[in-house]
Each structure stands twice: as C-alpha cells, then as structure tokens.
PDB file of all heavy atoms in Angstrom:
ATOM      1  N   GLY A   1     107.079  99.536  98.090  1.00  0.00           N
ATOM      2  CA  GLY A   1     106.439 100.720  98.623  1.00  0.00           C
ATOM      3  C   GLY A   1     104.975 100.843  98.288  1.00  0.00           C
ATOM      4  O   GLY A   1     104.342  99.918  97.766  1.00  0.00           O
ATOM      5  N   TYR A   2     104.450 102.033  98.599  1.00  0.00           N
ATOM      6  CA  TYR A   2     103.025 102.312  98.415  1.00  0.00           C
ATOM      7  C   TYR A   2     102.888 103.726  97.866  1.00  0.00           C
ATOM      8  O   TYR A   2     103.468 104.673  98.403  1.00  0.00           O
ATOM      9  CB  TYR A   2     102.295 102.198  99.758  1.00  0.00           C
ATOM     10  CG  TYR A   2     100.790 102.296  99.654  1.00  0.00           C
ATOM     11  CD1 TYR A   2     100.038 101.224  99.182  1.00  0.00           C
ATOM     12  CD2 TYR A   2     100.117 103.459 100.037  1.00  0.00           C
ATOM     13  CE1 TYR A   2      98.652 101.299  99.096  1.00  0.00           C
ATOM     14  CE2 TYR A   2      98.738 103.551  99.959  1.00  0.00           C
ATOM     15  CZ  TYR A   2      98.009 102.471  99.484  1.00  0.00           C
ATOM     16  OH  TYR A   2      96.639 102.555  99.400  1.00  0.00           O
ATOM     17  N   GLU A   3     102.121 103.860  96.780  1.00  0.00           N
ATOM     18  CA  GLU A   3     101.803 105.165  96.206  1.00  0.00           C
ATOM     19  C   GLU A   3     100.401 105.572  96.623  1.00  0.00           C
ATOM     20  O   GLU A   3      99.485 104.739  96.639  1.00  0.00           O
ATOM     21  CB  GLU A   3     101.901 105.122  94.679  1.00  0.00           C
ATOM     22  CG  GLU A   3     103.318 105.155  94.162  1.00  0.00           C
ATOM     23  CD  GLU A   3     103.369 105.261  92.642  1.00  0.00           C
ATOM     24  OE1 GLU A   3     102.318 105.558  92.033  1.00  0.00           O
ATOM     25  OE2 GLU A   3     104.454 105.049  92.075  1.00  0.00           O
ATOM     26  N   ILE A   4     100.241 106.855  96.944  1.00  0.00           N
ATOM     27  CA  ILE A   4      98.968 107.395  97.388  1.00  0.00           C
ATOM     28  C   ILE A   4      98.426 108.313  96.306  1.00  0.00           C
ATOM     29  O   ILE A   4      99.010 109.368  96.022  1.00  0.00           O
ATOM     30  CB  ILE A   4      99.119 108.161  98.715  1.00  0.00           C
ATOM     31  CG1 ILE A   4      99.756 107.258  99.776  1.00  0.00           C
ATOM     32  CG2 ILE A   4      97.772 108.700  99.194  1.00  0.00           C
ATOM     33  CD1 ILE A   4     100.151 107.988 101.037  1.00  0.00           C
ATOM     34  N   ASN A   5      97.331 107.893  95.653  1.00  0.00           N
ATOM     35  CA  ASN A   5      96.671 108.683  94.607  1.00  0.00           C
ATOM     36  C   ASN A   5      97.627 109.069  93.479  1.00  0.00           C
ATOM     37  O   ASN A   5      97.527 110.168  92.910  1.00  0.00           O
ATOM     38  CB  ASN A   5      96.029 109.938  95.202  1.00  0.00           C
ATOM     39  CG  ASN A   5      94.893 109.609  96.149  1.00  0.00           C
ATOM     40  OD1 ASN A   5      94.153 108.649  95.916  1.00  0.00           O
ATOM     41  ND2 ASN A   5      94.773 110.373  97.219  1.00  0.00           N
ATOM     42  N   ASN A   6      98.563 108.158  93.155  1.00  0.00           N
ATOM     43  CA  ASN A   6      99.538 108.417  92.087  1.00  0.00           C
ATOM     44  C   ASN A   6     100.317 109.707  92.312  1.00  0.00           C
ATOM     45  O   ASN A   6     100.744 110.351  91.355  1.00  0.00           O
ATOM     46  CB  ASN A   6      98.832 108.487  90.722  1.00  0.00           C
ATOM     47  CG  ASN A   6      98.142 107.202  90.370  1.00  0.00           C
ATOM     48  OD1 ASN A   6      98.710 106.119  90.541  1.00  0.00           O
ATOM     49  ND2 ASN A   6      96.916 107.297  89.891  1.00  0.00           N
ATOM     50  N   ASN A   7     100.508 110.094  93.555  1.00  0.00           N
ATOM     51  CA  ASN A   7     101.112 111.387  93.853  1.00  0.00           C
ATOM     52  C   ASN A   7     102.239 111.245  94.865  1.00  0.00           C
ATOM     53  O   ASN A   7     103.406 111.474  94.542  1.00  0.00           O
ATOM     54  CB  ASN A   7     100.037 112.346  94.368  1.00  0.00           C
ATOM     55  CG  ASN A   7     100.480 113.788  94.366  1.00  0.00           C
ATOM     56  OD1 ASN A   7     101.618 114.086  94.036  1.00  0.00           O
ATOM     57  ND2 ASN A   7      99.587 114.692  94.719  1.00  0.00           N
ATOM     58  N   PHE A   8     101.940 110.849  96.095  1.00  0.00           N
ATOM     59  CA  PHE A   8     102.947 110.640  97.131  1.00  0.00           C
ATOM     60  C   PHE A   8     103.296 109.158  97.215  1.00  0.00           C
ATOM     61  O   PHE A   8     102.492 108.289  96.866  1.00  0.00           O
ATOM     62  CB  PHE A   8     102.433 111.131  98.483  1.00  0.00           C
ATOM     63  CG  PHE A   8     102.232 112.619  98.560  1.00  0.00           C
ATOM     64  CD1 PHE A   8     100.987 113.165  98.325  1.00  0.00           C
ATOM     65  CD2 PHE A   8     103.291 113.460  98.857  1.00  0.00           C
ATOM     66  CE1 PHE A   8     100.799 114.532  98.384  1.00  0.00           C
ATOM     67  CE2 PHE A   8     103.121 114.824  98.921  1.00  0.00           C
ATOM     68  CZ  PHE A   8     101.865 115.364  98.679  1.00  0.00           C
ATOM     69  N   SER A   9     104.500 108.874  97.709  1.00  0.00           N
ATOM     70  CA  SER A   9     104.903 107.486  97.887  1.00  0.00           C
ATOM     71  C   SER A   9     105.816 107.362  99.094  1.00  0.00           C
ATOM     72  O   SER A   9     106.490 108.314  99.492  1.00  0.00           O
ATOM     73  CB  SER A   9     105.614 106.952  96.635  1.00  0.00           C
ATOM     74  OG  SER A   9     106.859 107.612  96.441  1.00  0.00           O
ATOM     75  N   ILE A  10     105.814 106.177  99.666  1.00  0.00           N
ATOM     76  CA  ILE A  10     106.759 105.801 100.708  1.00  0.00           C
ATOM     77  C   ILE A  10     107.290 104.425 100.336  1.00  0.00           C
ATOM     78  O   ILE A  10     106.526 103.555  99.901  1.00  0.00           O
ATOM     79  CB  ILE A  10     106.109 105.805 102.107  1.00  0.00           C
ATOM     80  CG1 ILE A  10     107.149 105.429 103.173  1.00  0.00           C
ATOM     81  CG2 ILE A  10     104.875 104.908 102.166  1.00  0.00           C
ATOM     82  CD1 ILE A  10     106.638 105.624 104.602  1.00  0.00           C
ATOM     83  N   PHE A  11     108.608 104.235 100.447  1.00  0.00           N
ATOM     84  CA  PHE A  11     109.154 102.954 100.022  1.00  0.00           C
ATOM     85  C   PHE A  11     110.411 102.607 100.815  1.00  0.00           C
ATOM     86  O   PHE A  11     111.210 103.469 101.198  1.00  0.00           O
ATOM     87  CB  PHE A  11     109.457 102.942  98.521  1.00  0.00           C
ATOM     88  CG  PHE A  11     110.385 104.021  98.035  1.00  0.00           C
ATOM     89  CD1 PHE A  11     111.758 103.793  97.910  1.00  0.00           C
ATOM     90  CD2 PHE A  11     109.898 105.274  97.690  1.00  0.00           C
ATOM     91  CE1 PHE A  11     112.614 104.776  97.456  1.00  0.00           C
ATOM     92  CE2 PHE A  11     110.746 106.274  97.233  1.00  0.00           C
ATOM     93  CZ  PHE A  11     112.112 106.025  97.102  1.00  0.00           C
ATOM     94  N   ALA A  12     110.539 101.322 101.071  1.00  0.00           N
ATOM     95  CA  ALA A  12     111.762 100.769 101.648  1.00  0.00           C
ATOM     96  C   ALA A  12     112.677 100.353 100.510  1.00  0.00           C
ATOM     97  O   ALA A  12     112.208  99.911  99.447  1.00  0.00           O
ATOM     98  CB  ALA A  12     111.433  99.570 102.527  1.00  0.00           C
ATOM     99  N   HIS A  13     113.985 100.491 100.712  1.00  0.00           N
ATOM    100  CA  HIS A  13     114.916 100.158  99.622  1.00  0.00           C
ATOM    101  C   HIS A  13     116.131  99.420 100.170  1.00  0.00           C
ATOM    102  O   HIS A  13     116.571  99.649 101.301  1.00  0.00           O
ATOM    103  CB  HIS A  13     115.354 101.422  98.866  1.00  0.00           C
ATOM    104  CG  HIS A  13     115.676 102.606  99.723  1.00  0.00           C
ATOM    105  ND1 HIS A  13     116.923 102.859 100.251  1.00  0.00           N
ATOM    106  CD2 HIS A  13     114.879 103.625 100.145  1.00  0.00           C
ATOM    107  CE1 HIS A  13     116.897 103.979 100.950  1.00  0.00           C
ATOM    108  NE2 HIS A  13     115.663 104.473 100.910  1.00  0.00           N
ATOM    109  N   TYR A  14     116.636  98.526  99.327  1.00  0.00           N
ATOM    110  CA  TYR A  14     117.809  97.735  99.682  1.00  0.00           C
ATOM    111  C   TYR A  14     118.744  97.680  98.487  1.00  0.00           C
ATOM    112  O   TYR A  14     118.305  97.480  97.341  1.00  0.00           O
ATOM    113  CB  TYR A  14     117.413  96.314 100.089  1.00  0.00           C
ATOM    114  CG  TYR A  14     118.608  95.405 100.326  1.00  0.00           C
ATOM    115  CD1 TYR A  14     119.440  95.595 101.429  1.00  0.00           C
ATOM    116  CD2 TYR A  14     118.913  94.388  99.433  1.00  0.00           C
ATOM    117  CE1 TYR A  14     120.543  94.784 101.645  1.00  0.00           C
ATOM    118  CE2 TYR A  14     120.010  93.559  99.645  1.00  0.00           C
ATOM    119  CZ  TYR A  14     120.824  93.763 100.749  1.00  0.00           C
ATOM    120  OH  TYR A  14     121.925  92.962 100.947  1.00  0.00           O
ATOM    121  N   GLU A  15     120.041  97.909  98.737  1.00  0.00           N
ATOM    122  CA  GLU A  15     121.069  97.810  97.691  1.00  0.00           C
ATOM    123  C   GLU A  15     122.097  96.766  98.118  1.00  0.00           C
ATOM    124  O   GLU A  15     122.577  96.784  99.249  1.00  0.00           O
ATOM    125  CB  GLU A  15     121.762  99.156  97.466  1.00  0.00           C
ATOM    126  CG  GLU A  15     120.866 100.226  96.867  1.00  0.00           C
ATOM    127  CD  GLU A  15     121.658 101.461  96.462  1.00  0.00           C
ATOM    128  OE1 GLU A  15     122.866 101.325  96.182  1.00  0.00           O
ATOM    129  OE2 GLU A  15     121.074 102.559  96.449  1.00  0.00           O
ATOM    130  N   HIS A  16     122.428  95.904  97.185  1.00  0.00           N
ATOM    131  CA  HIS A  16     123.395  94.836  97.435  1.00  0.00           C
ATOM    132  C   HIS A  16     124.542  94.997  96.441  1.00  0.00           C
ATOM    133  O   HIS A  16     124.384  94.723  95.251  1.00  0.00           O
ATOM    134  CB  HIS A  16     122.722  93.477  97.265  1.00  0.00           C
ATOM    135  CG  HIS A  16     123.568  92.325  97.697  1.00  0.00           C
ATOM    136  ND1 HIS A  16     123.531  91.817  98.978  1.00  0.00           N
ATOM    137  CD2 HIS A  16     124.491  91.591  97.022  1.00  0.00           C
ATOM    138  CE1 HIS A  16     124.371  90.807  99.072  1.00  0.00           C
ATOM    139  NE2 HIS A  16     124.979  90.646  97.898  1.00  0.00           N
ATOM    140  N   GLY A  17     125.680  95.498  96.922  1.00  0.00           N
ATOM    141  CA  GLY A  17     126.815  95.744  96.038  1.00  0.00           C
ATOM    142  C   GLY A  17     127.426  94.462  95.512  1.00  0.00           C
ATOM    143  O   GLY A  17     127.589  93.485  96.247  1.00  0.00           O
ATOM    144  N   PHE A  18     127.779  94.464  94.216  1.00  0.00           N
ATOM    145  CA  PHE A  18     128.439  93.300  93.637  1.00  0.00           C
ATOM    146  C   PHE A  18     129.694  93.678  92.846  1.00  0.00           C
ATOM    147  O   PHE A  18     130.243  92.849  92.122  1.00  0.00           O
ATOM    148  CB  PHE A  18     127.472  92.493  92.763  1.00  0.00           C
ATOM    149  CG  PHE A  18     126.774  93.271  91.686  1.00  0.00           C
ATOM    150  CD1 PHE A  18     127.393  93.557  90.477  1.00  0.00           C
ATOM    151  CD2 PHE A  18     125.468  93.703  91.875  1.00  0.00           C
ATOM    152  CE1 PHE A  18     126.754  94.267  89.496  1.00  0.00           C
ATOM    153  CE2 PHE A  18     124.811  94.419  90.882  1.00  0.00           C
ATOM    154  CZ  PHE A  18     125.454  94.695  89.682  1.00  0.00           C
ATOM    155  N   VAL A  19     130.171  94.919  92.994  1.00  0.00           N
ATOM    156  CA  VAL A  19     131.435  95.355  92.399  1.00  0.00           C
ATOM    157  C   VAL A  19     132.332  95.885  93.512  1.00  0.00           C
ATOM    158  O   VAL A  19     131.905  96.722  94.316  1.00  0.00           O
ATOM    159  CB  VAL A  19     131.218  96.433  91.316  1.00  0.00           C
ATOM    160  CG1 VAL A  19     132.550  97.020  90.860  1.00  0.00           C
ATOM    161  CG2 VAL A  19     130.481  95.845  90.122  1.00  0.00           C
ATOM    162  N   ASN A  20     133.574  95.411  93.569  1.00  0.00           N
ATOM    163  CA  ASN A  20     134.520  95.771  94.617  1.00  0.00           C
ATOM    164  C   ASN A  20     134.847  97.261  94.582  1.00  0.00           C
ATOM    165  O   ASN A  20     135.171  97.816  93.528  1.00  0.00           O
ATOM    166  CB  ASN A  20     135.797  94.940  94.445  1.00  0.00           C
ATOM    167  CG  ASN A  20     136.785  95.135  95.570  1.00  0.00           C
ATOM    168  OD1 ASN A  20     136.477  95.725  96.600  1.00  0.00           O
ATOM    169  ND2 ASN A  20     137.997  94.630  95.368  1.00  0.00           N
ATOM    170  N   ARG A  21     134.787  97.909  95.770  1.00  0.00           N
ATOM    171  CA  ARG A  21     135.086  99.333  95.847  1.00  0.00           C
ATOM    172  C   ARG A  21     136.591  99.601  95.875  1.00  0.00           C
ATOM    173  O   ARG A  21     137.026 100.744  95.732  1.00  0.00           O
ATOM    174  CB  ARG A  21     134.458  99.921  97.111  1.00  0.00           C
ATOM    175  CG  ARG A  21     134.415 101.440  97.129  1.00  0.00           C
ATOM    176  CD  ARG A  21     133.125 101.932  96.517  1.00  0.00           C
ATOM    177  NE  ARG A  21     133.305 103.029  95.608  1.00  0.00           N
ATOM    178  CZ  ARG A  21     132.279 103.768  95.152  1.00  0.00           C
ATOM    179  NH1 ARG A  21     131.050 103.504  95.518  1.00  0.00           N
ATOM    180  NH2 ARG A  21     132.490 104.742  94.313  1.00  0.00           N
ATOM    181  N   SER A  22     137.404  98.577  96.040  1.00  0.00           N
ATOM    182  CA  SER A  22     138.856  98.752  96.104  1.00  0.00           C
ATOM    183  C   SER A  22     139.502  98.324  94.790  1.00  0.00           C
ATOM    184  O   SER A  22     139.150  97.296  94.211  1.00  0.00           O
ATOM    185  CB  SER A  22     139.440  97.916  97.244  1.00  0.00           C
ATOM    186  OG  SER A  22     140.852  97.904  97.194  1.00  0.00           O
ATOM    187  N   ASN A  23     140.468  99.128  94.326  1.00  0.00           N
ATOM    188  CA  ASN A  23     141.238  98.805  93.128  1.00  0.00           C
ATOM    189  C   ASN A  23     142.632  98.276  93.441  1.00  0.00           C
ATOM    190  O   ASN A  23     143.371  97.896  92.527  1.00  0.00           O
ATOM    191  CB  ASN A  23     141.388 100.050  92.242  1.00  0.00           C
ATOM    192  CG  ASN A  23     140.196 100.265  91.337  1.00  0.00           C
ATOM    193  OD1 ASN A  23     139.480  99.325  91.006  1.00  0.00           O
ATOM    194  ND2 ASN A  23     139.965 101.512  90.941  1.00  0.00           N
ATOM    195  N   ALA A  24     143.017  98.273  94.708  1.00  0.00           N
ATOM    196  CA  ALA A  24     144.393  97.923  95.079  1.00  0.00           C
ATOM    197  C   ALA A  24     144.684  96.445  94.775  1.00  0.00           C
ATOM    198  O   ALA A  24     143.861  95.570  95.070  1.00  0.00           O
ATOM    199  CB  ALA A  24     144.624  98.204  96.557  1.00  0.00           C
TER     200      ALA A  24
END
C-alpha cells in the first residue's frame, strides 16, 4: 500500500489459508 503524510493509507491485501476449516 501507500501512506499519505503518515495519516491516510490505501492498501491491497491477500490472505492464503494454511489451516483446514473442517474438523470432520
């Protein structure tokens, strides 16, 4: 991302899961 004057920011984010959501 990009911060503007150490105040506002805009950022792209990505999450990659590596723990199974199912317990069955």
